[in-house]
């Protein structure tokens, strides 16, 4: 299935259930893979505004900010994501974000 088709299916799913964090997150990833970074950022921001505990949203958003050289935003996003990951007990995401944060702090 092409990315455009997946995007449309995910939009339809969100029309049926606007509170579906997973579908919203998946939509952001589709935009990211299509290199529509601004739409991806907007949707990931919405994911974590609607569901503060959606840890993967912080991780992906931080990665996008790094990719776009928005280092300060990446750092603050990772820090918040690490805090939330610790709160919900997501050790894997916490560890990955800590490593990525350390990398950008060493570079910048």
N, C-alpha and C. Protein backbone atom coordinates (compact mmCIF):
# COMPACT_ATOMS: atom_id res chain seq x y z
N UNK A 1 0.85 -1.18 0.00
CA UNK A 1 0.00 0.00 0.00
C UNK A 1 0.89 1.24 0.00
N UNK A 2 0.56 2.19 -0.83
CA UNK A 2 1.33 3.42 -0.93
C UNK A 2 1.08 4.30 0.29
N UNK A 3 2.07 5.16 0.56
CA UNK A 3 1.99 6.05 1.70
C UNK A 3 0.73 6.94 1.65
N UNK A 4 0.40 7.43 0.46
CA UNK A 4 -0.79 8.28 0.31
C UNK A 4 -2.04 7.52 0.73
N UNK A 5 -2.13 6.26 0.35
CA UNK A 5 -3.28 5.44 0.73
C UNK A 5 -3.32 5.20 2.24
N UNK A 6 -2.15 4.93 2.83
CA UNK A 6 -2.10 4.73 4.29
C UNK A 6 -2.50 6.01 5.02
N UNK A 7 -2.05 7.14 4.51
CA UNK A 7 -2.41 8.42 5.12
C UNK A 7 -3.92 8.60 5.10
N UNK A 8 -4.54 8.33 3.98
CA UNK A 8 -6.00 8.47 3.88
C UNK A 8 -6.73 7.51 4.81
N UNK A 9 -6.26 6.27 4.90
CA UNK A 9 -6.89 5.30 5.81
C UNK A 9 -6.75 5.75 7.27
N UNK A 10 -5.60 6.28 7.62
CA UNK A 10 -5.40 6.76 8.99
C UNK A 10 -6.27 7.98 9.29
N UNK A 11 -6.41 8.86 8.32
CA UNK A 11 -7.31 10.02 8.50
C UNK A 11 -8.74 9.56 8.72
N UNK A 12 -9.16 8.54 7.97
CA UNK A 12 -10.51 7.99 8.14
C UNK A 12 -10.68 7.39 9.53
N UNK A 13 -9.66 6.67 9.98
CA UNK A 13 -9.71 6.08 11.32
C UNK A 13 -9.84 7.16 12.38
N UNK A 14 -9.16 8.28 12.18
CA UNK A 14 -9.23 9.38 13.15
C UNK A 14 -10.57 10.10 13.11
N UNK A 15 -11.22 10.09 11.96
CA UNK A 15 -12.57 10.67 11.89
C UNK A 15 -13.53 9.84 12.74
N UNK A 16 -13.33 8.51 12.71
CA UNK A 16 -14.18 7.61 13.50
C UNK A 16 -13.86 7.71 14.99
N UNK A 17 -12.57 7.86 15.30
CA UNK A 17 -12.15 7.93 16.71
C UNK A 17 -11.04 8.97 16.85
N UNK A 18 -11.41 10.23 17.06
CA UNK A 18 -10.42 11.30 17.17
C UNK A 18 -9.45 11.15 18.35
N UNK A 19 -9.78 10.29 19.29
CA UNK A 19 -8.93 10.09 20.46
C UNK A 19 -7.99 8.91 20.33
N UNK A 20 -7.89 8.35 19.13
CA UNK A 20 -7.03 7.20 18.88
C UNK A 20 -5.58 7.66 18.73
N UNK A 21 -4.82 7.59 19.81
CA UNK A 21 -3.43 8.06 19.80
C UNK A 21 -2.57 7.26 18.83
N UNK A 22 -2.81 5.95 18.76
CA UNK A 22 -1.98 5.14 17.87
C UNK A 22 -2.17 5.53 16.41
N UNK A 23 -3.41 5.73 15.98
CA UNK A 23 -3.64 6.12 14.58
C UNK A 23 -3.03 7.49 14.29
N UNK A 24 -3.14 8.39 15.23
CA UNK A 24 -2.56 9.73 15.06
C UNK A 24 -1.03 9.62 14.96
N UNK A 25 -0.43 8.81 15.84
CA UNK A 25 1.02 8.57 15.82
C UNK A 25 1.44 7.94 14.49
N UNK A 26 0.69 6.93 14.05
CA UNK A 26 1.00 6.26 12.79
C UNK A 26 0.90 7.24 11.61
N UNK A 27 -0.06 8.15 11.66
CA UNK A 27 -0.20 9.17 10.63
C UNK A 27 1.05 10.06 10.60
N UNK A 28 1.53 10.45 11.76
CA UNK A 28 2.75 11.26 11.84
C UNK A 28 3.94 10.52 11.23
N UNK A 29 4.03 9.22 11.48
CA UNK A 29 5.12 8.43 10.92
C UNK A 29 5.02 8.33 9.40
N UNK A 30 3.80 8.26 8.89
CA UNK A 30 3.62 8.23 7.44
C UNK A 30 4.09 9.54 6.81
N UNK A 31 3.74 10.65 7.45
CA UNK A 31 4.21 11.94 6.94
C UNK A 31 5.74 12.03 7.03
N UNK A 32 6.29 11.51 8.11
CA UNK A 32 7.75 11.51 8.27
C UNK A 32 8.41 10.69 7.16
N UNK A 33 7.88 9.52 6.88
CA UNK A 33 8.47 8.68 5.83
C UNK A 33 8.30 9.30 4.45
N UNK A 34 7.31 10.17 4.29
CA UNK A 34 7.11 10.89 3.03
C UNK A 34 7.92 12.19 3.00
N UNK A 35 8.70 12.41 4.06
CA UNK A 35 9.52 13.61 4.23
C UNK A 35 8.69 14.88 4.29
N UNK A 36 7.47 14.75 4.77
CA UNK A 36 6.63 15.91 5.05
C UNK A 36 6.80 16.18 6.55
N UNK A 37 7.97 16.74 6.87
CA UNK A 37 8.37 16.86 8.26
C UNK A 37 7.50 17.80 9.08
N UNK A 38 7.04 18.88 8.47
CA UNK A 38 6.22 19.82 9.24
C UNK A 38 4.89 19.19 9.65
N UNK A 39 4.24 18.47 8.74
CA UNK A 39 3.00 17.79 9.11
C UNK A 39 3.26 16.76 10.19
N UNK A 40 4.37 16.05 10.08
CA UNK A 40 4.72 15.05 11.08
C UNK A 40 4.92 15.71 12.44
N UNK A 41 5.64 16.81 12.47
CA UNK A 41 5.86 17.55 13.73
C UNK A 41 4.54 18.01 14.32
N UNK A 42 3.68 18.57 13.47
CA UNK A 42 2.38 19.07 13.95
C UNK A 42 1.56 17.94 14.58
N UNK A 43 1.55 16.79 13.93
CA UNK A 43 0.74 15.68 14.42
C UNK A 43 1.35 15.06 15.67
N UNK A 44 2.67 14.91 15.71
CA UNK A 44 3.31 14.38 16.92
C UNK A 44 3.09 15.32 18.10
N UNK A 45 3.13 16.61 17.85
CA UNK A 45 2.85 17.58 18.90
C UNK A 45 1.43 17.39 19.42
N UNK A 46 0.51 17.17 18.50
CA UNK A 46 -0.88 16.93 18.89
C UNK A 46 -1.02 15.62 19.67
N UNK A 47 -0.28 14.59 19.25
CA UNK A 47 -0.32 13.30 19.97
C UNK A 47 0.03 13.52 21.44
N UNK A 48 1.14 14.21 21.70
CA UNK A 48 1.57 14.34 23.10
C UNK A 48 0.75 15.39 23.86
N UNK A 49 0.11 16.31 23.16
CA UNK A 49 -0.80 17.23 23.84
C UNK A 49 -2.07 16.50 24.28
N UNK A 50 -2.55 15.61 23.44
CA UNK A 50 -3.77 14.86 23.74
C UNK A 50 -3.52 13.72 24.72
N UNK A 51 -2.32 13.14 24.65
CA UNK A 51 -1.98 11.96 25.45
C UNK A 51 -0.54 12.11 25.94
N UNK A 52 -0.38 12.84 27.01
CA UNK A 52 0.94 13.20 27.52
C UNK A 52 1.83 11.98 27.78
N UNK A 53 1.22 10.83 28.01
CA UNK A 53 1.99 9.63 28.34
C UNK A 53 2.36 8.78 27.12
N UNK A 54 2.12 9.29 25.93
CA UNK A 54 2.46 8.56 24.71
C UNK A 54 3.95 8.77 24.41
N UNK A 55 4.77 7.98 25.05
CA UNK A 55 6.22 8.16 25.08
C UNK A 55 6.84 8.16 23.68
N UNK A 56 6.40 7.27 22.82
CA UNK A 56 6.98 7.17 21.48
C UNK A 56 6.84 8.48 20.71
N UNK A 57 5.80 9.25 21.02
CA UNK A 57 5.62 10.54 20.37
C UNK A 57 6.77 11.50 20.65
N UNK A 58 7.24 11.52 21.89
CA UNK A 58 8.37 12.38 22.24
C UNK A 58 9.63 11.92 21.50
N UNK A 59 9.81 10.62 21.45
CA UNK A 59 11.01 10.07 20.81
C UNK A 59 11.06 10.46 19.33
N UNK A 60 9.96 10.23 18.63
CA UNK A 60 9.92 10.56 17.20
C UNK A 60 10.04 12.07 16.97
N UNK A 61 9.39 12.85 17.81
CA UNK A 61 9.45 14.30 17.68
C UNK A 61 10.87 14.79 17.91
N UNK A 62 11.54 14.25 18.92
CA UNK A 62 12.93 14.61 19.16
C UNK A 62 13.82 14.27 17.97
N UNK A 63 13.61 13.11 17.38
CA UNK A 63 14.39 12.71 16.21
C UNK A 63 14.17 13.66 15.03
N UNK A 64 12.92 14.08 14.84
CA UNK A 64 12.64 15.03 13.76
C UNK A 64 13.34 16.36 13.99
N UNK A 65 13.29 16.84 15.23
CA UNK A 65 13.97 18.10 15.53
C UNK A 65 15.48 17.99 15.30
N UNK A 66 16.07 16.86 15.66
CA UNK A 66 17.50 16.65 15.39
C UNK A 66 17.75 16.70 13.89
N UNK A 67 16.94 15.99 13.15
CA UNK A 67 17.10 15.93 11.69
C UNK A 67 17.03 17.31 11.05
N UNK A 68 16.22 18.18 11.64
CA UNK A 68 16.03 19.53 11.10
C UNK A 68 16.94 20.57 11.78
N UNK A 69 17.90 20.08 12.57
CA UNK A 69 18.86 20.93 13.28
C UNK A 69 18.20 21.92 14.24
N UNK A 70 17.09 21.52 14.81
CA UNK A 70 16.42 22.32 15.84
C UNK A 70 16.82 21.74 17.20
N UNK A 71 18.08 21.91 17.50
CA UNK A 71 18.71 21.22 18.62
C UNK A 71 18.07 21.55 19.96
N UNK A 72 17.77 22.81 20.22
CA UNK A 72 17.16 23.16 21.50
C UNK A 72 15.80 22.49 21.68
N UNK A 73 15.01 22.46 20.62
CA UNK A 73 13.71 21.78 20.69
C UNK A 73 13.89 20.28 20.87
N UNK A 74 14.89 19.71 20.21
CA UNK A 74 15.16 18.28 20.36
C UNK A 74 15.52 17.97 21.81
N UNK A 75 16.40 18.76 22.38
CA UNK A 75 16.82 18.52 23.77
C UNK A 75 15.65 18.60 24.73
N UNK A 76 14.84 19.64 24.61
CA UNK A 76 13.71 19.78 25.54
C UNK A 76 12.67 18.67 25.34
N UNK A 77 12.49 18.26 24.10
CA UNK A 77 11.54 17.17 23.80
C UNK A 77 12.04 15.86 24.40
N UNK A 78 13.31 15.57 24.20
CA UNK A 78 13.89 14.35 24.77
C UNK A 78 13.80 14.38 26.31
N UNK A 79 14.12 15.51 26.91
CA UNK A 79 14.08 15.60 28.38
C UNK A 79 12.67 15.32 28.91
N UNK A 80 11.69 15.90 28.27
CA UNK A 80 10.30 15.66 28.68
C UNK A 80 9.92 14.20 28.44
N UNK A 81 10.34 13.66 27.30
CA UNK A 81 10.06 12.26 26.98
C UNK A 81 10.69 11.30 27.97
N UNK A 82 11.92 11.60 28.39
CA UNK A 82 12.62 10.79 29.38
C UNK A 82 11.87 10.82 30.71
N UNK A 83 11.41 12.00 31.08
CA UNK A 83 10.64 12.16 32.32
C UNK A 83 9.35 11.32 32.27
N UNK A 84 8.64 11.39 31.16
CA UNK A 84 7.39 10.64 31.02
C UNK A 84 7.68 9.14 30.94
N UNK A 85 8.71 8.76 30.21
CA UNK A 85 9.07 7.33 30.11
C UNK A 85 9.38 6.76 31.48
N UNK A 86 10.07 7.54 32.30
CA UNK A 86 10.38 7.11 33.66
C UNK A 86 9.09 6.97 34.48
N UNK A 87 8.21 7.92 34.31
CA UNK A 87 6.93 7.93 35.03
C UNK A 87 6.08 6.70 34.70
N UNK A 88 6.05 6.31 33.42
CA UNK A 88 5.21 5.18 33.01
C UNK A 88 5.96 3.86 33.01
N UNK A 89 7.26 3.90 33.29
CA UNK A 89 8.04 2.66 33.36
C UNK A 89 8.48 2.09 32.03
N UNK A 90 8.63 2.96 31.03
CA UNK A 90 9.08 2.51 29.71
C UNK A 90 10.60 2.65 29.64
N UNK A 91 11.29 1.63 30.12
CA UNK A 91 12.75 1.68 30.23
C UNK A 91 13.44 1.73 28.87
N UNK A 92 12.90 1.01 27.90
CA UNK A 92 13.52 0.97 26.57
C UNK A 92 13.52 2.35 25.92
N UNK A 93 12.36 2.98 25.87
CA UNK A 93 12.27 4.32 25.27
C UNK A 93 13.12 5.32 26.07
N UNK A 94 13.09 5.20 27.38
CA UNK A 94 13.88 6.11 28.22
C UNK A 94 15.36 6.00 27.88
N UNK A 95 15.86 4.78 27.81
CA UNK A 95 17.27 4.54 27.52
C UNK A 95 17.63 5.07 26.13
N UNK A 96 16.80 4.82 25.15
CA UNK A 96 17.08 5.29 23.79
C UNK A 96 17.11 6.81 23.72
N UNK A 97 16.15 7.46 24.37
CA UNK A 97 16.12 8.92 24.34
C UNK A 97 17.31 9.50 25.12
N UNK A 98 17.69 8.86 26.22
CA UNK A 98 18.86 9.33 26.97
C UNK A 98 20.12 9.27 26.10
N UNK A 99 20.27 8.18 25.36
CA UNK A 99 21.42 8.02 24.48
C UNK A 99 21.42 9.08 23.37
N UNK A 100 20.27 9.32 22.78
CA UNK A 100 20.17 10.31 21.71
C UNK A 100 20.39 11.72 22.24
N UNK A 101 19.88 11.99 23.42
CA UNK A 101 20.09 13.30 24.05
C UNK A 101 21.58 13.50 24.33
N UNK A 102 22.22 12.48 24.85
CA UNK A 102 23.65 12.57 25.14
C UNK A 102 24.45 12.85 23.87
N UNK A 103 24.07 12.20 22.78
CA UNK A 103 24.77 12.42 21.50
C UNK A 103 24.68 13.87 21.05
N UNK A 104 23.49 14.45 21.11
CA UNK A 104 23.38 15.84 20.64
C UNK A 104 24.00 16.82 21.62
N UNK A 105 23.99 16.49 22.91
CA UNK A 105 24.65 17.38 23.87
C UNK A 105 26.16 17.35 23.67
N UNK A 106 26.70 16.21 23.29
CA UNK A 106 28.13 16.11 23.02
C UNK A 106 28.51 16.88 21.76
N UNK A 107 27.62 16.86 20.77
CA UNK A 107 27.90 17.54 19.50
C UNK A 107 27.71 19.04 19.58
N UNK A 108 26.73 19.47 20.36
CA UNK A 108 26.40 20.90 20.40
C UNK A 108 26.83 21.48 21.69
